[in-house]
Amino acid sequence: MKEIQELIPEVLAELDLEWEPGVNPDEWVVTLPGEKKLRTVVSLLLSGGQLITRAFVIRNPDENHGAVYRFLLQRNLRLPGLAYAIDSDGDVYVTGRVPTDGVDAAYLDQLFGVVLEAADAPFNDLLVLGFLTSMKKEWAWRVSRGESMRNLEAFRHLLDDGSAPAAAEPDTR
């Protein structure tokens, strides 16, 4: 088997993923493009014969912690080799550890897919569960100032009390 220190950059190049060396030796910081969450940053770290994966999902929720954590714990049941966790600040991550003996190109490809699914797919649901009050304040502030609503459009049905201008039709010229 190819040395994992050589394998990881080769697979990242094959998958055309943006990455840079991490702050630790044998660490790669990979950027995965998303749909709901524009990007997910993943750390891959070789340590003690293991490949440790860690990706930021959302910051500590402002509200409804119990509902957010219940949602994440239920999703943990469907994550192969990964799990949601919180750090000492309450920020949510998806993490995993696997012996390096089990790491090959196919595993890394699958790992990136699972990490992206875990961070991207539930992102809007997590925002609504944990930040709805803040989002409503942001929406009202933007309406009052005539600011762009573009990054909140996915939540218009929850936030718009009728005072916001309708979303502009896309220019098809």
C-alpha atoms as a PDB file:
ATOM      1  CA  MET A   1       0.000   0.000   0.000  1.00  0.00           C
ATOM      2  CA  LYS A   2       1.202   3.459  -0.890  1.00  0.00           C
ATOM      3  CA  GLU A   3       2.327   5.617   2.004  1.00  0.00           C
ATOM      4  CA  ILE A   4      -0.668   7.575   3.202  1.00  0.00           C
ATOM      5  CA  GLN A   5       1.351  10.827   3.168  1.00  0.00           C
ATOM      6  CA  GLU A   6       1.674  10.363  -0.605  1.00  0.00           C
ATOM      7  CA  LEU A   7      -1.804   8.955  -1.137  1.00  0.00           C
ATOM      8  CA  ILE A   8      -3.783  11.840   0.354  1.00  0.00           C
ATOM      9  CA  PRO A   9      -2.401  14.602  -1.912  1.00  0.00           C
ATOM     10  CA  GLU A  10      -2.724  12.316  -4.948  1.00  0.00           C
ATOM     11  CA  VAL A  11      -6.385  11.632  -4.195  1.00  0.00           C
ATOM     12  CA  LEU A  12      -7.053  15.324  -3.549  1.00  0.00           C
ATOM     13  CA  ALA A  13      -5.562  16.133  -6.951  1.00  0.00           C
ATOM     14  CA  GLU A  14      -7.564  13.358  -8.658  1.00  0.00           C
ATOM     15  CA  LEU A  15     -10.765  14.672  -7.070  1.00  0.00           C
ATOM     16  CA  ASP A  16      -9.773  18.247  -7.981  1.00  0.00           C
ATOM     17  CA  LEU A  17     -10.279  19.422  -4.406  1.00  0.00           C
ATOM     18  CA  GLU A  18      -8.764  22.618  -3.081  1.00  0.00           C
ATOM     19  CA  TRP A  19      -6.438  22.004  -0.148  1.00  0.00           C
ATOM     20  CA  GLU A  20      -3.485  23.358   1.789  1.00  0.00           C
ATOM     21  CA  PRO A  21      -1.145  21.991   4.432  1.00  0.00           C
ATOM     22  CA  GLY A  22      -2.478  22.269   7.967  1.00  0.00           C
ATOM     23  CA  VAL A  23      -0.671  23.788  10.925  1.00  0.00           C
ATOM     24  CA  ASN A  24       0.307  20.340  12.200  1.00  0.00           C
ATOM     25  CA  PRO A  25       2.707  17.986  10.437  1.00  0.00           C
ATOM     26  CA  ASP A  26       0.790  15.386   8.414  1.00  0.00           C
ATOM     27  CA  GLU A  27      -2.352  17.555   8.234  1.00  0.00           C
ATOM     28  CA  TRP A  28      -4.287  18.522   5.123  1.00  0.00           C
ATOM     29  CA  VAL A  29      -7.026  21.169   5.159  1.00  0.00           C
ATOM     30  CA  VAL A  30      -9.486  20.475   2.356  1.00  0.00           C
ATOM     31  CA  THR A  31     -12.296  22.690   1.079  1.00  0.00           C
ATOM     32  CA  LEU A  32     -15.386  20.852  -0.141  1.00  0.00           C
ATOM     33  CA  PRO A  33     -17.869  22.853  -2.245  1.00  0.00           C
ATOM     34  CA  GLY A  34     -21.482  22.621  -1.084  1.00  0.00           C
ATOM     35  CA  GLU A  35     -24.973  23.663  -2.065  1.00  0.00           C
ATOM     36  CA  LYS A  36     -26.691  24.875   1.116  1.00  0.00           C
ATOM     37  CA  LYS A  37     -23.478  25.558   2.971  1.00  0.00           C
ATOM     38  CA  LEU A  38     -21.233  27.126   0.369  1.00  0.00           C
ATOM     39  CA  ARG A  39     -18.140  25.321   1.552  1.00  0.00           C
ATOM     40  CA  THR A  40     -17.085  22.858   4.206  1.00  0.00           C
ATOM     41  CA  VAL A  41     -13.535  22.919   5.506  1.00  0.00           C
ATOM     42  CA  VAL A  42     -12.207  19.519   6.528  1.00  0.00           C
ATOM     43  CA  SER A  43      -9.043  18.714   8.459  1.00  0.00           C
ATOM     44  CA  LEU A  44      -7.367  15.357   7.818  1.00  0.00           C
ATOM     45  CA  LEU A  45      -4.699  14.603  10.393  1.00  0.00           C
ATOM     46  CA  LEU A  46      -2.451  11.568  10.661  1.00  0.00           C
ATOM     47  CA  SER A  47      -1.752  10.807  14.298  1.00  0.00           C
ATOM     48  CA  GLY A  48      -0.926   7.634  16.198  1.00  0.00           C
ATOM     49  CA  GLY A  49      -1.701   5.306  13.296  1.00  0.00           C
ATOM     50  CA  GLN A  50      -5.086   6.926  12.690  1.00  0.00           C
ATOM     51  CA  LEU A  51      -6.585   9.299  10.173  1.00  0.00           C
ATOM     52  CA  ILE A  52      -8.562  11.871  12.141  1.00  0.00           C
ATOM     53  CA  THR A  53     -11.250  13.809  10.280  1.00  0.00           C
ATOM     54  CA  ARG A  54     -12.823  17.007  11.586  1.00  0.00           C
ATOM     55  CA  ALA A  55     -15.117  19.433   9.756  1.00  0.00           C
ATOM     56  CA  PHE A  56     -16.932  22.493  11.088  1.00  0.00           C
ATOM     57  CA  VAL A  57     -20.730  22.365  10.631  1.00  0.00           C
ATOM     58  CA  ILE A  58     -22.257  25.343  12.534  1.00  0.00           C
ATOM     59  CA  ARG A  59     -21.413  27.577  15.453  1.00  0.00           C
ATOM     60  CA  ASN A  60     -23.020  27.109  18.849  1.00  0.00           C
ATOM     61  CA  PRO A  61     -26.776  27.520  18.346  1.00  0.00           C
ATOM     62  CA  ASP A  62     -28.352  30.644  19.810  1.00  0.00           C
ATOM     63  CA  GLU A  63     -31.521  28.780  20.829  1.00  0.00           C
ATOM     64  CA  ASN A  64     -33.233  25.392  20.969  1.00  0.00           C
ATOM     65  CA  HIS A  65     -30.097  23.481  21.927  1.00  0.00           C
ATOM     66  CA  GLY A  66     -32.090  20.385  22.836  1.00  0.00           C
ATOM     67  CA  ALA A  67     -33.830  20.278  19.458  1.00  0.00           C
ATOM     68  CA  VAL A  68     -30.545  20.855  17.606  1.00  0.00           C
ATOM     69  CA  TYR A  69     -28.737  18.117  19.529  1.00  0.00           C
ATOM     70  CA  ARG A  70     -31.643  15.681  19.126  1.00  0.00           C
ATOM     71  CA  PHE A  71     -31.609  16.327  15.373  1.00  0.00           C
ATOM     72  CA  LEU A  72     -27.853  15.700  15.225  1.00  0.00           C
ATOM     73  CA  LEU A  73     -27.973  12.570  17.383  1.00  0.00           C
ATOM     74  CA  GLN A  74     -30.671  11.101  15.153  1.00  0.00           C
ATOM     75  CA  ARG A  75     -28.507  11.834  12.098  1.00  0.00           C
ATOM     76  CA  ASN A  76     -25.530  10.145  13.819  1.00  0.00           C
ATOM     77  CA  LEU A  77     -27.276   6.828  13.276  1.00  0.00           C
ATOM     78  CA  ARG A  78     -26.888   7.277   9.502  1.00  0.00           C
ATOM     79  CA  LEU A  79     -23.269   8.469   9.362  1.00  0.00           C
ATOM     80  CA  PRO A  80     -20.855   5.703   8.408  1.00  0.00           C
ATOM     81  CA  GLY A  81     -17.639   6.165  10.379  1.00  0.00           C
ATOM     82  CA  LEU A  82     -18.384   9.733  11.460  1.00  0.00           C
ATOM     83  CA  ALA A  83     -20.360  11.436  14.196  1.00  0.00           C
ATOM     84  CA  TYR A  84     -21.482  14.913  15.151  1.00  0.00           C
ATOM     85  CA  ALA A  85     -19.778  16.406  18.177  1.00  0.00           C
ATOM     86  CA  ILE A  86     -19.507  19.757  19.938  1.00  0.00           C
ATOM     87  CA  ASP A  87     -16.384  21.496  21.161  1.00  0.00           C
ATOM     88  CA  SER A  88     -15.959  23.394  24.433  1.00  0.00           C
ATOM     89  CA  ASP A  89     -17.559  26.485  22.836  1.00  0.00           C
ATOM     90  CA  GLY A  90     -20.601  24.484  21.721  1.00  0.00           C
ATOM     91  CA  ASP A  91     -19.689  24.677  18.024  1.00  0.00           C
ATOM     92  CA  VAL A  92     -20.808  21.639  16.017  1.00  0.00           C
ATOM     93  CA  TYR A  93     -18.379  19.473  14.061  1.00  0.00           C
ATOM     94  CA  VAL A  94     -18.507  16.178  12.236  1.00  0.00           C
ATOM     95  CA  THR A  95     -15.588  13.971  13.263  1.00  0.00           C
ATOM     96  CA  GLY A  96     -14.152  10.545  12.729  1.00  0.00           C
ATOM     97  CA  ARG A  97     -11.135   8.319  13.344  1.00  0.00           C
ATOM     98  CA  VAL A  98     -10.051   5.326  11.337  1.00  0.00           C
ATOM     99  CA  PRO A  99      -6.884   3.218  11.427  1.00  0.00           C
ATOM    100  CA  THR A 100      -4.605   4.202   8.562  1.00  0.00           C
ATOM    101  CA  ASP A 101      -4.481   0.552   7.465  1.00  0.00           C
ATOM    102  CA  GLY A 102      -8.043   0.976   6.188  1.00  0.00           C
ATOM    103  CA  VAL A 103      -7.364   4.126   4.176  1.00  0.00           C
ATOM    104  CA  ASP A 104      -7.126   3.909   0.400  1.00  0.00           C
ATOM    105  CA  ALA A 105      -8.292   6.112  -2.489  1.00  0.00           C
ATOM    106  CA  ALA A 106     -11.818   4.685  -2.467  1.00  0.00           C
ATOM    107  CA  TYR A 107     -12.139   5.273   1.280  1.00  0.00           C
ATOM    108  CA  LEU A 108     -10.982   8.898   0.957  1.00  0.00           C
ATOM    109  CA  ASP A 109     -13.455   9.534  -1.865  1.00  0.00           C
ATOM    110  CA  GLN A 110     -16.278   8.076   0.234  1.00  0.00           C
ATOM    111  CA  LEU A 111     -15.109  10.007   3.304  1.00  0.00           C
ATOM    112  CA  PHE A 112     -15.322  13.349   1.491  1.00  0.00           C
ATOM    113  CA  GLY A 113     -18.814  12.475   0.266  1.00  0.00           C
ATOM    114  CA  VAL A 114     -20.025  11.537   3.744  1.00  0.00           C
ATOM    115  CA  VAL A 115     -18.472  14.639   5.335  1.00  0.00           C
ATOM    116  CA  LEU A 116     -20.070  16.872   2.724  1.00  0.00           C
ATOM    117  CA  GLU A 117     -23.456  15.219   3.161  1.00  0.00           C
ATOM    118  CA  ALA A 118     -23.191  15.557   6.952  1.00  0.00           C
ATOM    119  CA  ALA A 119     -22.284  19.255   6.837  1.00  0.00           C
ATOM    120  CA  ASP A 120     -24.246  20.447   3.795  1.00  0.00           C
ATOM    121  CA  ALA A 121     -27.542  18.533   3.680  1.00  0.00           C
ATOM    122  CA  PRO A 122     -28.866  19.492   7.147  1.00  0.00           C
ATOM    123  CA  PHE A 123     -27.395  23.028   7.126  1.00  0.00           C
ATOM    124  CA  ASN A 124     -30.641  24.944   6.517  1.00  0.00           C
ATOM    125  CA  ASP A 125     -32.537  22.786   9.025  1.00  0.00           C
ATOM    126  CA  LEU A 126     -29.860  23.472  11.637  1.00  0.00           C
ATOM    127  CA  LEU A 127     -30.014  27.208  10.959  1.00  0.00           C
ATOM    128  CA  VAL A 128     -33.784  27.226  11.436  1.00  0.00           C
ATOM    129  CA  LEU A 129     -33.604  25.124  14.608  1.00  0.00           C
ATOM    130  CA  GLY A 130     -30.755  27.038  16.218  1.00  0.00           C
ATOM    131  CA  PHE A 131     -30.858  30.573  14.816  1.00  0.00           C
ATOM    132  CA  LEU A 132     -34.419  31.458  13.758  1.00  0.00           C
ATOM    133  CA  THR A 133     -34.737  34.441  16.107  1.00  0.00           C
ATOM    134  CA  SER A 134     -31.437  35.903  14.867  1.00  0.00           C
ATOM    135  CA  MET A 135     -32.463  35.271  11.279  1.00  0.00           C
ATOM    136  CA  LYS A 136     -35.746  37.141  11.851  1.00  0.00           C
ATOM    137  CA  LYS A 137     -33.827  40.112  13.280  1.00  0.00           C
ATOM    138  CA  GLU A 138     -31.408  40.048  10.351  1.00  0.00           C
ATOM    139  CA  TRP A 139     -34.304  39.907   7.886  1.00  0.00           C
ATOM    140  CA  ALA A 140     -36.043  42.894   9.540  1.00  0.00           C
ATOM    141  CA  TRP A 141     -32.798  44.879   9.581  1.00  0.00           C
ATOM    142  CA  ARG A 142     -32.175  44.190   5.902  1.00  0.00           C
ATOM    143  CA  VAL A 143     -35.752  45.133   4.976  1.00  0.00           C
ATOM    144  CA  SER A 144     -35.472  48.412   6.917  1.00  0.00           C
ATOM    145  CA  ARG A 145     -32.228  49.334   5.133  1.00  0.00           C
ATOM    146  CA  GLY A 146     -33.121  48.008   1.695  1.00  0.00           C
ATOM    147  CA  GLU A 147     -30.229  45.534   1.881  1.00  0.00           C
ATOM    148  CA  SER A 148     -29.909  42.392  -0.228  1.00  0.00           C
ATOM    149  CA  MET A 149     -31.921  39.408   0.971  1.00  0.00           C
ATOM    150  CA  ARG A 150     -30.103  36.967  -1.298  1.00  0.00           C
ATOM    151  CA  ASN A 151     -28.492  34.734   1.332  1.00  0.00           C
ATOM    152  CA  LEU A 152     -31.762  34.557   3.282  1.00  0.00           C
ATOM    153  CA  GLU A 153     -34.043  33.751   0.313  1.00  0.00           C
ATOM    154  CA  ALA A 154     -34.169  30.039   1.218  1.00  0.00           C
ATOM    155  CA  PHE A 155     -35.879  31.103   4.447  1.00  0.00           C
ATOM    156  CA  ARG A 156     -38.279  33.727   3.031  1.00  0.00           C
ATOM    157  CA  HIS A 157     -41.291  31.524   3.824  1.00  0.00           C
ATOM    158  CA  LEU A 158     -40.335  31.663   7.523  1.00  0.00           C
ATOM    159  CA  LEU A 159     -39.066  35.228   7.742  1.00  0.00           C
ATOM    160  CA  ASP A 160     -41.134  37.460   5.455  1.00  0.00           C
ATOM    161  CA  ASP A 161     -44.013  39.181   7.194  1.00  0.00           C
ATOM    162  CA  GLY A 162     -45.031  40.844   3.931  1.00  0.00           C
ATOM    163  CA  SER A 163     -42.846  43.923   4.347  1.00  0.00           C
ATOM    164  CA  ALA A 164     -39.984  42.705   2.174  1.00  0.00           C
ATOM    165  CA  PRO A 165     -39.892  43.328  -1.563  1.00  0.00           C
ATOM    166  CA  ALA A 166     -40.589  40.258  -3.667  1.00  0.00           C
ATOM    167  CA  ALA A 167     -37.573  38.362  -4.914  1.00  0.00           C
ATOM    168  CA  ALA A 168     -36.366  39.715  -8.210  1.00  0.00           C
ATOM    169  CA  GLU A 169     -36.972  37.553 -11.251  1.00  0.00           C
ATOM    170  CA  PRO A 170     -33.708  36.214 -12.681  1.00  0.00           C
ATOM    171  CA  ASP A 171     -32.441  38.084 -15.738  1.00  0.00           C
ATOM    172  CA  THR A 172     -32.664  35.609 -18.610  1.00  0.00           C
ATOM    173  CA  ARG A 173     -31.275  37.895 -21.304  1.00  0.00           C
END
